[in-house]
Amino acid sequence: MRIAQANEELRPRPAALAIEILDSADKGLYTVGGEEIIVGRGALCDITLQDASVSQFHFRLTPGTEDVLLEDLGSSNGLWLGRAKVERAHLMPGARFRAGMVRMQLREIETAPLAVSREDEFFGMRGRSEHMRSTFSLLARAAVTPLPVLVTGETGVGKGELARAVHRASGREGRFVTVDCTRMPHEMADGLLFGHMKGAFTGATSDQPSPFEEADGGTLFLDEIGELPLTLQPKLLRAIDERVVQRLGSNTQRTVDVRIVAATNRDLMKEVSGGRFRVDLYHRLAGIAVKLQPLRNRREDIPFLASLFLTEVCEQIGQTIEMGDEVKAELRRREWEGNVRELRQTMQRAAYLCDGGELAVKDLAQYDDSLEQGEAEGEDGGGGRGKLRPQVDEFKRKYCREVLAESPTMAAAAKTAGFTARGFQLMLNKLGIKAEDYLGGR
């Protein structure tokens, strides 16, 4: 049982599952804990089965408070509920299912008191939902250890912010260095990840240290680790295990002390099952595994984060804008496929387009080819109106040019427009206007 520390409280949460294997050589009752439980023939699974009809990583179980999410991990012989083959399903205790030829039954979901932070902030990460506050509690314990952290979740949920929060909370004095695995051409990936010496290959005009060296004493963030070429994965595993790197074209090994945080929006267990990611590297990275839920699954966070983002942009543009209950309800209603990143961009856009001191639902419209709220149609429709966003931008450009032309200085123009100098400059940048071209009637 976890003991609550300062600024924590205990909440009942799923802690373990009882699963009964009904036949085969593995027949028996298994009780296994964890946020995610992997079952298959692989030795590193939480439950390892011997039956040949079961894949190395066959399926995953994710406990909830009332049911369990069952997901196929790309198995050869599938998951079956009765005669129906399923990719994913929600199971209640008592449900029977089959993996390959092995029949099993979910017996029980066990709960235990788990710690949840009382705070809505952790070293720059924000959230009020129970999911986020339980994540903060886990990170507070994890950050001070040397264990690597693997963060998974959809694009835009805040995996990079989590990595930076772990670094800030760790107390490590070295740098926080990011490696974006999506931006490494395969032919140059070795030199980019491990460094290179001058002349090591065509175009290597100078010595280039490895990101491991740059992060020595600090944290190395491997963003989108699921995109790392398979040929580089054993080299990365060796560097992490042995704490040494060797630049391309060099015979010298350099010892490094780095804390690894990796992130991906891919399902790495499916990548492992498909032979696209090494299982040993997966388990080496997942010293502590954190799965960030999408924003639509933690709606309590939506108005909280929206208010924070609105405050940020108001400080930039030097205005005060309120957000009423109708707008909060509209924000909660949306699915936010782009997650926190989309919410931030929506609030920034709404603040710039807002008329007056209070947001309206119309200010939240997505000005693209399919406009919301009936504010405008994507096509002209015969009325000569055209698309709304270009018209709004053109109106703002015309207004800003006129204000600049009538003002002797940028400060005077910003004051006339009701902005701070910095906020007005940001607006001009977004509109592509150079103040010096229009200031004072030029």
Protein backbone atom coordinates (compact mmCIF):
# COMPACT_ATOMS: atom_id res chain seq x y z
CA MET A 1 0.00 0.00 0.00
CA ARG A 2 1.33 3.43 -0.93
CA ILE A 3 1.67 5.92 1.91
CA ALA A 4 0.58 9.46 1.12
CA GLN A 5 3.31 12.07 1.39
CA ALA A 6 2.98 15.82 1.85
CA ASN A 7 0.54 17.42 -0.60
CA GLU A 8 -0.99 14.04 -1.48
CA GLU A 9 -4.24 12.25 -0.74
CA LEU A 10 -5.22 8.61 -1.21
CA ARG A 11 -7.90 7.59 -3.69
CA PRO A 12 -9.18 4.09 -4.50
CA ARG A 13 -7.77 3.10 -7.90
CA PRO A 14 -7.46 -0.15 -9.90
CA ALA A 15 -4.38 -1.95 -8.64
CA ALA A 16 -4.47 -5.54 -9.96
CA LEU A 17 -6.43 -8.04 -12.04
CA ALA A 18 -7.27 -11.65 -11.27
CA ILE A 19 -7.31 -13.71 -14.50
CA GLU A 20 -8.00 -17.43 -14.68
CA ILE A 21 -6.52 -19.51 -17.50
CA LEU A 22 -9.14 -22.19 -18.10
CA ASP A 23 -7.13 -24.69 -20.14
CA SER A 24 -3.66 -25.44 -21.60
CA ALA A 25 -0.46 -26.05 -19.66
CA ASP A 26 -0.82 -22.61 -18.06
CA LYS A 27 -4.13 -23.43 -16.36
CA GLY A 28 -4.55 -21.54 -13.07
CA LEU A 29 -5.36 -18.21 -11.44
CA TYR A 30 -3.04 -15.25 -11.97
CA THR A 31 -3.17 -11.97 -10.04
CA VAL A 32 -1.10 -9.24 -11.66
CA GLY A 33 -0.75 -5.52 -10.87
CA GLY A 34 0.06 -2.53 -13.04
CA GLU A 35 -1.57 0.17 -15.14
CA GLU A 36 -1.13 -2.03 -18.21
CA ILE A 37 -0.78 -5.83 -18.22
CA ILE A 38 0.81 -7.57 -21.20
CA VAL A 39 0.07 -11.25 -21.88
CA GLY A 40 1.89 -13.45 -24.39
CA ARG A 41 4.65 -16.04 -24.84
CA GLY A 42 7.46 -13.52 -24.36
CA ALA A 43 9.55 -13.89 -21.22
CA LEU A 44 9.15 -10.20 -20.42
CA CYS A 45 5.31 -10.29 -20.43
CA ASP A 46 3.45 -9.76 -17.16
CA ILE A 47 1.79 -13.15 -17.72
CA THR A 48 3.83 -15.57 -19.84
CA LEU A 49 1.94 -18.41 -21.54
CA GLN A 50 3.42 -21.49 -23.19
CA ASP A 51 0.76 -22.34 -25.77
CA ALA A 52 2.08 -22.10 -29.36
CA SER A 53 -1.13 -20.40 -30.56
CA VAL A 54 -0.26 -17.35 -28.43
CA SER A 55 1.96 -14.62 -29.91
CA GLN A 56 5.03 -13.20 -28.19
CA PHE A 57 3.02 -10.11 -27.18
CA HIS A 58 -0.58 -11.16 -27.71
CA PHE A 59 -2.82 -8.72 -25.85
CA ARG A 60 -2.94 -5.92 -23.30
CA LEU A 61 -5.30 -5.36 -20.37
CA THR A 62 -5.81 -1.84 -19.00
CA PRO A 63 -7.78 -1.81 -15.72
CA GLY A 64 -10.45 0.83 -15.13
CA THR A 65 -12.54 1.39 -12.03
CA GLU A 66 -15.44 -0.73 -13.32
CA ASP A 67 -14.22 -2.55 -16.43
CA VAL A 68 -11.05 -3.59 -18.22
CA LEU A 69 -9.93 -2.58 -21.72
CA LEU A 70 -8.78 -5.58 -23.75
CA GLU A 71 -6.59 -4.81 -26.82
CA ASP A 72 -4.98 -7.07 -29.41
CA LEU A 73 -1.28 -6.30 -29.96
CA GLY A 74 -1.10 -7.51 -33.54
CA SER A 75 -1.26 -11.20 -32.63
CA SER A 76 -1.22 -13.95 -35.26
CA ASN A 77 -4.27 -15.85 -34.00
CA GLY A 78 -6.36 -13.04 -32.61
CA LEU A 79 -8.61 -12.34 -29.65
CA TRP A 80 -12.07 -13.86 -29.52
CA LEU A 81 -15.25 -13.13 -27.59
CA GLY A 82 -17.41 -16.14 -28.35
CA ARG A 83 -17.29 -16.46 -32.15
CA ALA A 84 -16.42 -12.80 -32.70
CA LYS A 85 -12.84 -11.76 -33.38
CA VAL A 86 -12.13 -8.41 -31.71
CA GLU A 87 -9.36 -5.82 -31.82
CA ARG A 88 -10.48 -4.21 -28.56
CA ALA A 89 -13.31 -4.64 -26.07
CA HIS A 90 -14.36 -3.57 -22.58
CA LEU A 91 -14.69 -6.50 -20.19
CA MET A 92 -16.57 -6.77 -16.92
CA PRO A 93 -15.49 -9.26 -14.21
CA GLY A 94 -16.77 -12.69 -15.20
CA ALA A 95 -16.24 -12.16 -18.95
CA ARG A 96 -14.64 -15.02 -20.90
CA PHE A 97 -12.43 -14.59 -23.94
CA ARG A 98 -9.85 -16.50 -25.95
CA ALA A 99 -6.30 -15.70 -27.08
CA GLY A 100 -5.42 -18.04 -29.92
CA MET A 101 -6.62 -21.39 -28.56
CA VAL A 102 -6.27 -20.48 -24.86
CA ARG A 103 -9.51 -19.73 -23.02
CA MET A 104 -9.47 -17.43 -20.02
CA GLN A 105 -11.77 -15.46 -17.74
CA LEU A 106 -11.48 -12.08 -16.04
CA ARG A 107 -12.28 -12.84 -12.40
CA GLU A 108 -11.80 -9.61 -10.45
CA ILE A 109 -10.56 -6.03 -10.48
CA GLU A 110 -8.70 -5.34 -7.26
CA THR A 111 -8.41 -1.78 -5.94
CA ALA A 112 -5.99 -0.16 -3.53
CA PRO A 113 -5.45 3.37 -2.19
CA LEU A 114 -3.10 5.23 -4.51
CA ALA A 115 -1.63 8.69 -4.03
CA VAL A 116 -3.01 11.73 -5.87
CA SER A 117 -1.32 15.14 -5.64
CA ARG A 118 -3.31 17.96 -4.06
CA GLU A 119 -1.57 20.41 -6.41
CA ASP A 120 -2.66 21.34 -9.94
CA GLU A 121 0.90 22.06 -11.09
CA PHE A 122 4.15 20.11 -11.31
CA PHE A 123 7.22 22.03 -12.51
CA GLY A 124 5.37 23.67 -15.39
CA MET A 125 2.83 20.93 -16.11
CA ARG A 126 -0.77 21.86 -15.28
CA GLY A 127 -3.95 19.88 -14.68
CA ARG A 128 -6.78 19.46 -12.17
CA SER A 129 -8.14 16.07 -13.22
CA GLU A 130 -7.46 13.04 -11.05
CA HIS A 131 -5.46 11.53 -13.91
CA MET A 132 -3.08 14.49 -14.06
CA ARG A 133 -2.73 14.81 -10.30
CA SER A 134 -1.96 11.10 -9.95
CA THR A 135 0.62 11.59 -12.73
CA PHE A 136 2.16 14.48 -10.76
CA SER A 137 2.37 12.23 -7.71
CA LEU A 138 4.14 9.51 -9.72
CA LEU A 139 6.54 11.99 -11.32
CA ALA A 140 7.47 13.51 -7.96
CA ARG A 141 8.74 10.09 -6.91
CA ALA A 142 10.23 9.16 -10.28
CA ALA A 143 12.11 12.40 -10.99
CA VAL A 144 14.66 12.00 -8.22
CA THR A 145 15.60 8.45 -9.31
CA PRO A 146 18.02 7.61 -12.16
CA LEU A 147 15.37 5.42 -13.84
CA PRO A 148 14.53 6.15 -17.48
CA VAL A 149 11.00 7.37 -18.17
CA LEU A 150 8.88 6.36 -21.18
CA VAL A 151 5.97 8.71 -21.95
CA THR A 152 3.22 7.62 -24.33
CA GLY A 153 0.13 9.43 -25.56
CA GLU A 154 -1.48 11.08 -28.53
CA THR A 155 0.08 14.01 -30.35
CA GLY A 156 -0.40 17.25 -28.43
CA VAL A 157 -1.07 15.82 -24.95
CA GLY A 158 2.07 17.39 -23.44
CA LYS A 159 4.76 14.70 -23.58
CA GLY A 160 7.49 17.30 -24.07
CA GLU A 161 6.25 19.34 -21.10
CA LEU A 162 6.33 16.20 -18.98
CA ALA A 163 9.92 15.51 -20.00
CA ARG A 164 10.98 19.05 -19.04
CA ALA A 165 9.11 18.78 -15.73
CA VAL A 166 10.96 15.57 -14.89
CA HIS A 167 14.27 17.30 -15.64
CA ARG A 168 13.43 20.34 -13.50
CA ALA A 169 12.29 18.14 -10.60
CA SER A 170 15.31 15.82 -10.84
CA GLY A 171 17.83 18.30 -9.49
CA ARG A 172 20.29 17.29 -12.21
CA GLU A 173 22.60 20.21 -13.01
CA GLY A 174 23.32 19.34 -16.64
CA ARG A 175 21.37 20.48 -19.68
CA PHE A 176 18.04 19.30 -21.03
CA VAL A 177 18.75 18.18 -24.61
CA THR A 178 16.10 17.11 -27.12
CA VAL A 179 16.61 14.68 -29.99
CA ASP A 180 13.69 14.59 -32.44
CA CYS A 181 13.80 11.10 -33.92
CA THR A 182 11.45 12.12 -36.75
CA ARG A 183 14.05 14.56 -38.12
CA MET A 184 16.96 12.17 -38.50
CA PRO A 185 17.52 11.05 -42.10
CA HIS A 186 18.37 7.35 -42.00
CA GLU A 187 21.68 7.85 -43.78
CA MET A 188 22.77 10.47 -41.19
CA ALA A 189 21.06 9.14 -38.07
CA ASP A 190 24.15 7.43 -36.65
CA GLY A 191 26.21 10.63 -36.75
CA LEU A 192 23.35 12.76 -35.44
CA LEU A 193 22.63 10.49 -32.47
CA PHE A 194 26.18 9.61 -31.47
CA GLY A 195 28.18 12.52 -32.88
CA HIS A 196 30.87 12.49 -35.55
CA MET A 197 34.40 13.64 -36.27
CA LYS A 198 35.45 16.02 -39.03
CA GLY A 199 35.74 14.09 -42.30
CA ALA A 200 33.78 11.08 -41.04
CA PHE A 201 31.50 11.39 -44.06
CA THR A 202 30.82 13.80 -46.93
CA GLY A 203 29.65 17.08 -45.44
CA ALA A 204 31.19 16.49 -41.98
CA THR A 205 33.19 19.73 -41.98
CA SER A 206 33.74 19.87 -38.21
CA ASP A 207 33.60 17.73 -35.07
CA GLN A 208 30.06 17.29 -33.78
CA PRO A 209 29.47 16.12 -30.19
CA SER A 210 26.79 13.56 -29.47
CA PRO A 211 23.56 14.71 -27.79
CA PHE A 212 24.61 12.29 -25.03
CA GLU A 213 27.72 14.40 -24.47
CA GLU A 214 25.74 17.66 -24.57
CA ALA A 215 23.34 16.29 -21.96
CA ASP A 216 26.09 14.91 -19.70
CA GLY A 217 24.96 15.42 -16.11
CA GLY A 218 21.45 16.29 -17.30
CA THR A 219 18.55 14.79 -19.25
CA LEU A 220 18.37 13.50 -22.81
CA PHE A 221 14.85 13.64 -24.24
CA LEU A 222 14.34 11.21 -27.12
CA ASP A 223 11.17 12.56 -28.73
CA GLU A 224 9.15 10.19 -30.94
CA ILE A 225 11.41 7.27 -30.12
CA GLY A 226 9.10 5.00 -32.13
CA GLU A 227 10.50 6.57 -35.31
CA LEU A 228 14.11 5.56 -34.54
CA PRO A 229 15.50 3.36 -37.36
CA LEU A 230 15.67 -0.30 -36.36
CA THR A 231 19.38 -0.41 -37.29
CA LEU A 232 20.18 2.23 -34.65
CA GLN A 233 18.20 0.66 -31.83
CA PRO A 234 20.90 -1.83 -30.65
CA LYS A 235 23.46 1.02 -30.63
CA LEU A 236 21.15 3.16 -28.51
CA LEU A 237 20.56 0.26 -26.15
CA ARG A 238 24.32 -0.23 -25.77
CA ALA A 239 24.89 3.48 -25.11
CA ILE A 240 22.22 3.50 -22.39
CA ASP A 241 23.43 0.28 -20.78
CA GLU A 242 27.16 1.00 -20.88
CA ARG A 243 26.91 4.80 -20.45
CA VAL A 244 29.43 5.37 -23.22
CA VAL A 245 29.24 6.84 -26.73
CA GLN A 246 31.64 6.74 -29.62
CA ARG A 247 31.53 9.40 -32.32
CA LEU A 248 31.42 8.30 -35.92
CA GLY A 249 34.99 8.33 -37.22
CA SER A 250 36.55 8.19 -33.76
CA ASN A 251 38.24 5.36 -31.85
CA THR A 252 37.62 7.02 -28.49
CA GLN A 253 34.74 6.12 -26.21
CA ARG A 254 33.36 8.86 -24.00
CA THR A 255 31.69 8.14 -20.67
CA VAL A 256 28.42 10.02 -20.10
CA ASP A 257 25.95 10.42 -17.23
CA VAL A 258 22.51 11.11 -18.67
CA ARG A 259 18.95 10.53 -17.56
CA ILE A 260 16.84 9.24 -20.45
CA VAL A 261 13.26 10.37 -21.04
CA ALA A 262 11.67 8.97 -24.21
CA ALA A 263 8.28 9.76 -25.73
CA THR A 264 6.13 8.42 -28.54
CA ASN A 265 2.61 8.58 -29.91
CA ARG A 266 2.96 5.05 -31.26
CA ASP A 267 1.83 1.89 -29.47
CA LEU A 268 5.29 0.46 -28.86
CA MET A 269 4.01 -2.98 -27.88
CA LYS A 270 2.38 -3.25 -31.31
CA GLU A 271 5.63 -2.02 -32.85
CA VAL A 272 7.48 -4.77 -30.96
CA SER A 273 4.98 -7.40 -32.12
CA GLY A 274 5.41 -6.18 -35.70
CA GLY A 275 9.20 -6.43 -35.49
CA ARG A 276 9.69 -2.67 -35.83
CA PHE A 277 10.96 -2.01 -32.31
CA ARG A 278 13.31 -4.07 -30.17
CA VAL A 279 11.75 -5.57 -27.08
CA ASP A 280 14.97 -5.20 -25.05
CA LEU A 281 15.15 -1.49 -25.88
CA TYR A 282 11.48 -1.06 -24.94
CA HIS A 283 12.01 -2.54 -21.50
CA ARG A 284 15.24 -0.59 -21.03
CA LEU A 285 13.43 2.69 -21.74
CA ALA A 286 10.32 1.86 -19.71
CA GLY A 287 11.94 2.00 -16.28
CA ILE A 288 8.92 4.11 -15.38
CA ALA A 289 6.08 4.15 -17.92
CA VAL A 290 3.68 7.11 -18.00
CA LYS A 291 0.66 7.18 -20.31
CA LEU A 292 -0.90 10.64 -20.71
CA GLN A 293 -4.62 10.44 -21.42
CA PRO A 294 -6.07 12.51 -24.28
CA LEU A 295 -7.77 15.74 -23.28
CA ARG A 296 -11.25 14.40 -24.14
CA ASN A 297 -10.80 11.75 -21.42
CA ARG A 298 -10.05 14.36 -18.73
CA ARG A 299 -12.60 17.07 -19.42
CA GLU A 300 -12.12 18.61 -15.98
CA ASP A 301 -8.84 19.97 -17.32
CA ILE A 302 -10.37 21.74 -20.33
CA PRO A 303 -11.78 24.95 -18.76
CA PHE A 304 -8.84 25.10 -16.34
CA LEU A 305 -6.24 24.98 -19.11
CA ALA A 306 -8.32 27.25 -21.36
CA SER A 307 -8.33 29.93 -18.64
CA LEU A 308 -4.55 29.64 -18.27
CA PHE A 309 -3.96 29.97 -22.02
CA LEU A 310 -6.35 32.93 -22.24
CA THR A 311 -4.49 34.67 -19.41
CA GLU A 312 -1.18 34.10 -21.20
CA VAL A 313 -2.32 35.67 -24.45
CA CYS A 314 -4.02 38.56 -22.63
CA GLU A 315 -0.72 39.38 -20.96
CA GLN A 316 0.96 39.39 -24.37
CA ILE A 317 -1.55 41.71 -26.03
CA GLY A 318 -2.19 43.87 -22.97
CA GLN A 319 -5.93 43.23 -22.75
CA THR A 320 -8.34 41.70 -20.23
CA ILE A 321 -10.76 39.16 -21.70
CA GLU A 322 -13.28 37.17 -19.67
CA MET A 323 -14.63 33.69 -20.43
CA GLY A 324 -18.26 32.93 -19.54
CA ASP A 325 -20.07 29.67 -18.77
CA GLU A 326 -21.40 29.33 -22.32
CA VAL A 327 -17.89 29.33 -23.74
CA LYS A 328 -16.68 26.86 -21.09
CA ALA A 329 -19.55 24.53 -21.97
CA GLU A 330 -18.63 24.72 -25.66
CA LEU A 331 -15.00 23.95 -24.86
CA ARG A 332 -16.02 20.92 -22.80
CA ARG A 333 -18.24 19.68 -25.63
CA ARG A 334 -15.47 19.43 -28.21
CA GLU A 335 -13.39 16.31 -28.79
CA TRP A 336 -10.00 18.06 -29.12
CA GLU A 337 -8.33 15.63 -31.48
CA GLY A 338 -5.24 17.84 -31.27
CA ASN A 339 -5.39 17.75 -27.46
CA VAL A 340 -3.73 20.46 -25.34
CA ARG A 341 -1.89 21.92 -28.32
CA GLU A 342 -5.17 22.48 -30.18
CA LEU A 343 -6.79 24.01 -27.09
CA ARG A 344 -3.92 26.48 -26.68
CA GLN A 345 -4.09 27.54 -30.34
CA THR A 346 -7.88 27.91 -30.13
CA MET A 347 -7.64 30.22 -27.12
CA GLN A 348 -4.91 32.30 -28.75
CA ARG A 349 -6.95 32.73 -31.91
CA ALA A 350 -10.15 33.48 -29.97
CA ALA A 351 -8.42 36.21 -27.96
CA TYR A 352 -7.16 37.94 -31.11
CA LEU A 353 -10.56 37.74 -32.83
CA CYS A 354 -12.65 38.66 -29.79
CA ASP A 355 -14.74 41.84 -29.98
CA GLY A 356 -14.90 43.46 -26.55
CA GLY A 357 -13.86 42.11 -23.18
CA GLU A 358 -15.64 38.74 -23.16
CA LEU A 359 -15.23 35.70 -25.39
CA ALA A 360 -18.27 34.50 -27.31
CA VAL A 361 -18.83 31.02 -28.73
CA LYS A 362 -18.42 32.46 -32.24
CA ASP A 363 -14.84 33.44 -31.35
CA LEU A 364 -14.00 29.74 -30.97
CA ALA A 365 -14.89 28.96 -34.60
CA GLN A 366 -12.31 27.02 -36.58
CA TYR A 367 -11.78 29.23 -39.61
CA ASP A 368 -11.03 26.57 -42.18
CA ASP A 369 -12.90 24.95 -45.06
CA SER A 370 -15.78 23.86 -42.81
CA LEU A 371 -16.70 26.70 -40.46
CA GLU A 372 -18.66 26.09 -37.26
CA GLN A 373 -21.66 27.78 -35.76
CA GLY A 374 -22.97 28.82 -39.22
CA GLU A 375 -20.76 31.91 -38.99
CA ALA A 376 -19.72 31.62 -42.62
CA GLU A 377 -19.73 29.05 -45.40
CA GLY A 378 -16.54 27.80 -47.03
CA GLU A 379 -17.69 28.94 -50.48
CA ASP A 380 -19.00 32.28 -51.60
CA GLY A 381 -22.56 30.95 -51.94
CA GLY A 382 -23.43 33.64 -54.44
CA GLY A 383 -23.61 36.43 -51.89
CA GLY A 384 -20.13 37.70 -52.58
CA ARG A 385 -19.04 37.19 -48.98
CA GLY A 386 -16.30 34.57 -49.52
CA LYS A 387 -14.40 32.85 -46.72
CA LEU A 388 -14.42 34.56 -43.35
CA ARG A 389 -10.85 34.14 -42.14
CA PRO A 390 -9.18 35.97 -45.06
CA GLN A 391 -11.70 38.80 -44.69
CA VAL A 392 -11.01 39.09 -40.96
CA ASP A 393 -7.26 39.14 -41.55
CA GLU A 394 -7.57 41.71 -44.30
CA PHE A 395 -9.71 43.95 -42.08
CA LYS A 396 -7.09 43.73 -39.34
CA ARG A 397 -4.28 44.53 -41.80
CA LYS A 398 -6.15 47.59 -43.08
CA TYR A 399 -6.85 48.76 -39.52
CA CYS A 400 -3.24 48.31 -38.39
CA ARG A 401 -1.85 50.11 -41.44
CA GLU A 402 -4.15 53.07 -40.79
CA VAL A 403 -3.24 53.20 -37.08
CA LEU A 404 0.47 53.08 -37.93
CA ALA A 405 0.11 55.81 -40.56
CA GLU A 406 -1.60 58.12 -38.05
CA SER A 407 0.94 57.46 -35.25
CA PRO A 408 4.43 58.97 -34.76
CA THR A 409 5.78 55.97 -32.85
CA MET A 410 5.09 52.25 -32.28
CA ALA A 411 4.18 52.99 -28.67
CA ALA A 412 1.57 55.52 -29.79
CA ALA A 413 0.13 53.09 -32.36
CA ALA A 414 -0.11 50.32 -29.78
CA LYS A 415 -1.88 52.65 -27.34
CA THR A 416 -4.39 53.71 -30.00
CA ALA A 417 -5.13 50.05 -30.80
CA GLY A 418 -5.50 49.19 -27.10
CA PHE A 419 -2.46 46.90 -26.98
CA THR A 420 0.85 46.85 -25.18
CA ALA A 421 3.83 47.56 -27.45
CA ARG A 422 4.83 43.88 -27.37
CA GLY A 423 1.30 42.68 -27.99
CA PHE A 424 0.87 45.02 -30.94
CA GLN A 425 4.17 43.86 -32.45
CA LEU A 426 3.05 40.24 -32.11
CA MET A 427 -0.14 41.11 -33.95
CA LEU A 428 1.81 42.81 -36.75
CA ASN A 429 4.10 39.78 -37.05
CA LYS A 430 1.10 37.46 -37.44
CA LEU A 431 -0.35 39.71 -40.13
CA GLY A 432 2.96 40.06 -41.98
CA ILE A 433 3.14 43.85 -41.54
CA LYS A 434 6.43 45.73 -41.15
CA ALA A 435 5.71 48.75 -38.95
CA GLU A 436 8.48 50.85 -40.51
CA ASP A 437 6.72 50.69 -43.91
CA TYR A 438 3.66 52.55 -42.60
CA LEU A 439 4.63 54.39 -39.40
CA GLY A 440 3.96 58.13 -39.54
CA GLY A 441 2.39 58.01 -43.01
CA ARG A 442 5.46 56.68 -44.82
